[in-house]
Amino acid sequence: MKGKQLILVLLRAALGLFFIWSGFVKLQDLSDFTQTVANYQLLSRPWDAVAAYFVPWFEIVVGLALVTGVLAKAGLTLTLLMMIGFTSAIGWVWSQGLNINCGCYGASDEPTNYPVHLAINCGLIALTAALIYFSCKQQSRDQAEVA
């Protein structure tokens, strides 16, 4: 494996481990995470609970795809969509003047620092988009070599 490929695999794995960790942290107290999702005021009951139970498992499954490389491009695409959704939700809550904890990394009594979380999410979006780009570029190169 070439150096550039190794860096891309390590970045993809690190991103995957981050989401596996994030999902497990949320699973530690699902009732608290359900309340956190409700605090966003984006979904009515019972859909807020459905989302709260779905999101951690989704993060773990996507993270496993990134770490193992099995369906990695699908995992990257889903990660990008997930991060756009999370970022939009945080932006919406901030625009509504709500002072909540985002629940991004488990339970906390501290309100979310919206600019910091939006910057982190934008960084994760940029990383994911770059990994998708280089993954597609690598696949095109591999197909050209076969032909």
Protein backbone atom coordinates (compact mmCIF):
# COMPACT_ATOMS: atom_id res chain seq x y z
CA MET A 1 0.00 0.00 0.00
CA LYS A 2 1.35 3.39 -1.01
CA GLY A 3 1.82 6.19 1.52
CA LYS A 4 -1.11 8.26 0.24
CA GLN A 5 -3.42 5.23 0.29
CA LEU A 6 -2.31 4.38 3.83
CA ILE A 7 -3.09 7.92 5.01
CA LEU A 8 -6.55 7.73 3.43
CA VAL A 9 -7.25 4.36 5.05
CA LEU A 10 -6.09 5.65 8.43
CA LEU A 11 -8.23 8.79 8.12
CA ARG A 12 -11.26 6.70 7.12
CA ALA A 13 -10.65 4.35 10.05
CA ALA A 14 -10.24 7.25 12.49
CA LEU A 15 -13.50 8.76 11.26
CA GLY A 16 -15.17 5.38 11.67
CA LEU A 17 -13.83 4.94 15.20
CA PHE A 18 -15.09 8.41 16.07
CA PHE A 19 -18.63 7.46 15.02
CA ILE A 20 -18.48 4.07 16.75
CA TRP A 21 -17.45 5.86 19.96
CA SER A 22 -20.11 8.54 19.48
CA GLY A 23 -22.82 5.91 18.99
CA PHE A 24 -21.76 3.91 22.05
CA VAL A 25 -21.68 7.04 24.22
CA LYS A 26 -25.29 7.79 23.24
CA LEU A 27 -26.34 4.20 23.93
CA GLN A 28 -25.06 4.48 27.51
CA ASP A 29 -28.10 6.58 28.43
CA LEU A 30 -30.78 6.32 25.77
CA SER A 31 -33.41 7.98 27.93
CA ASP A 32 -31.20 11.07 28.27
CA PHE A 33 -30.42 11.04 24.55
CA THR A 34 -34.14 10.75 23.79
CA GLN A 35 -34.75 13.89 25.86
CA THR A 36 -31.87 15.60 24.07
CA VAL A 37 -33.40 14.80 20.67
CA ALA A 38 -36.75 16.11 21.93
CA ASN A 39 -35.03 19.35 23.01
CA TYR A 40 -34.22 20.10 19.37
CA GLN A 41 -37.97 20.51 18.80
CA LEU A 42 -37.60 19.20 15.24
CA LEU A 43 -39.67 16.04 15.64
CA SER A 44 -42.89 15.44 17.49
CA ARG A 45 -43.46 12.47 19.75
CA PRO A 46 -42.98 9.55 19.16
CA TRP A 47 -40.65 10.38 16.26
CA ASP A 48 -38.10 12.03 18.53
CA ALA A 49 -37.76 8.73 20.42
CA VAL A 50 -37.53 6.77 17.17
CA ALA A 51 -34.72 9.06 16.02
CA ALA A 52 -32.98 8.82 19.40
CA TYR A 53 -32.96 5.03 19.24
CA PHE A 54 -31.95 4.96 15.56
CA VAL A 55 -29.10 7.49 15.48
CA PRO A 56 -26.60 5.72 17.80
CA TRP A 57 -26.98 2.40 15.98
CA PHE A 58 -26.72 4.15 12.62
CA GLU A 59 -23.50 5.84 13.75
CA ILE A 60 -22.06 2.50 14.88
CA VAL A 61 -22.96 0.67 11.66
CA VAL A 62 -21.58 3.48 9.49
CA GLY A 63 -18.47 3.60 11.66
CA LEU A 64 -17.94 -0.14 11.26
CA ALA A 65 -18.22 0.23 7.47
CA LEU A 66 -15.51 2.90 7.56
CA VAL A 67 -13.20 0.97 9.88
CA THR A 68 -13.50 -2.37 8.09
CA GLY A 69 -13.63 -0.98 4.56
CA VAL A 70 -16.69 -3.12 3.83
CA LEU A 71 -19.03 -0.87 1.85
CA ALA A 72 -16.67 2.00 2.63
CA LYS A 73 -17.97 4.28 -0.13
CA ALA A 74 -21.55 3.76 1.03
CA GLY A 75 -20.38 4.40 4.60
CA LEU A 76 -18.68 7.62 3.52
CA THR A 77 -21.76 8.77 1.62
CA LEU A 78 -24.01 8.04 4.60
CA THR A 79 -21.54 9.80 6.90
CA LEU A 80 -21.66 12.88 4.69
CA LEU A 81 -25.45 12.91 4.69
CA MET A 82 -25.56 12.28 8.44
CA MET A 83 -23.15 15.14 9.14
CA ILE A 84 -25.10 17.52 6.91
CA GLY A 85 -28.23 16.58 8.86
CA PHE A 86 -26.54 17.01 12.25
CA THR A 87 -25.05 20.34 11.19
CA SER A 88 -28.39 21.57 9.89
CA ALA A 89 -30.08 20.57 13.15
CA ILE A 90 -27.52 22.42 15.26
CA GLY A 91 -27.77 25.47 13.02
CA TRP A 92 -31.55 25.43 13.27
CA VAL A 93 -31.53 25.16 17.08
CA TRP A 94 -29.06 28.03 17.29
CA SER A 95 -31.18 30.15 14.94
CA GLN A 96 -34.19 29.53 17.18
CA GLY A 97 -32.32 30.81 20.23
CA LEU A 98 -32.59 27.48 22.05
CA ASN A 99 -29.91 26.91 24.68
CA ILE A 100 -29.59 23.12 24.73
CA ASN A 101 -26.88 20.50 24.92
CA CYS A 102 -26.59 18.95 21.46
CA GLY A 103 -26.03 15.44 22.80
CA CYS A 104 -23.34 14.97 20.18
CA TYR A 105 -20.96 13.26 22.59
CA GLY A 106 -23.27 12.00 25.29
CA ALA A 107 -24.97 13.60 28.25
CA SER A 108 -23.76 16.93 29.58
CA ASP A 109 -25.17 19.76 31.65
CA GLU A 110 -23.28 22.31 29.56
CA PRO A 111 -25.14 24.08 26.76
CA THR A 112 -23.71 23.64 23.28
CA ASN A 113 -21.17 26.14 22.02
CA TYR A 114 -22.84 26.41 18.62
CA PRO A 115 -19.99 28.06 16.66
CA VAL A 116 -17.51 25.45 17.90
CA HIS A 117 -19.82 22.52 17.07
CA LEU A 118 -20.64 23.93 13.67
CA ALA A 119 -16.91 24.34 12.96
CA ILE A 120 -16.19 20.76 14.08
CA ASN A 121 -19.04 19.45 11.94
CA CYS A 122 -17.88 21.45 8.93
CA GLY A 123 -14.42 19.93 9.41
CA LEU A 124 -15.93 16.44 9.52
CA ILE A 125 -17.97 17.22 6.40
CA ALA A 126 -14.83 18.43 4.60
CA LEU A 127 -12.88 15.33 5.68
CA THR A 128 -15.66 13.02 4.56
CA ALA A 129 -16.05 14.81 1.22
CA ALA A 130 -12.30 14.59 0.65
CA LEU A 131 -12.32 10.87 1.45
CA ILE A 132 -15.18 10.34 -1.01
CA TYR A 133 -13.33 12.32 -3.68
CA PHE A 134 -10.07 10.41 -3.25
CA SER A 135 -11.90 7.10 -3.04
CA CYS A 136 -13.62 7.78 -6.37
CA LYS A 137 -10.36 9.01 -7.88
CA GLN A 138 -8.58 5.84 -6.73
CA GLN A 139 -11.35 3.65 -8.15
CA SER A 140 -11.09 5.43 -11.51
CA ARG A 141 -7.34 4.90 -11.52
CA ASP A 142 -7.75 1.21 -10.66
CA GLN A 143 -10.31 0.73 -13.46
CA ALA A 144 -8.00 2.47 -15.95
CA GLU A 145 -5.14 0.11 -15.01
CA VAL A 146 -7.35 -2.96 -15.56
CA ALA A 147 -8.48 -1.76 -18.98
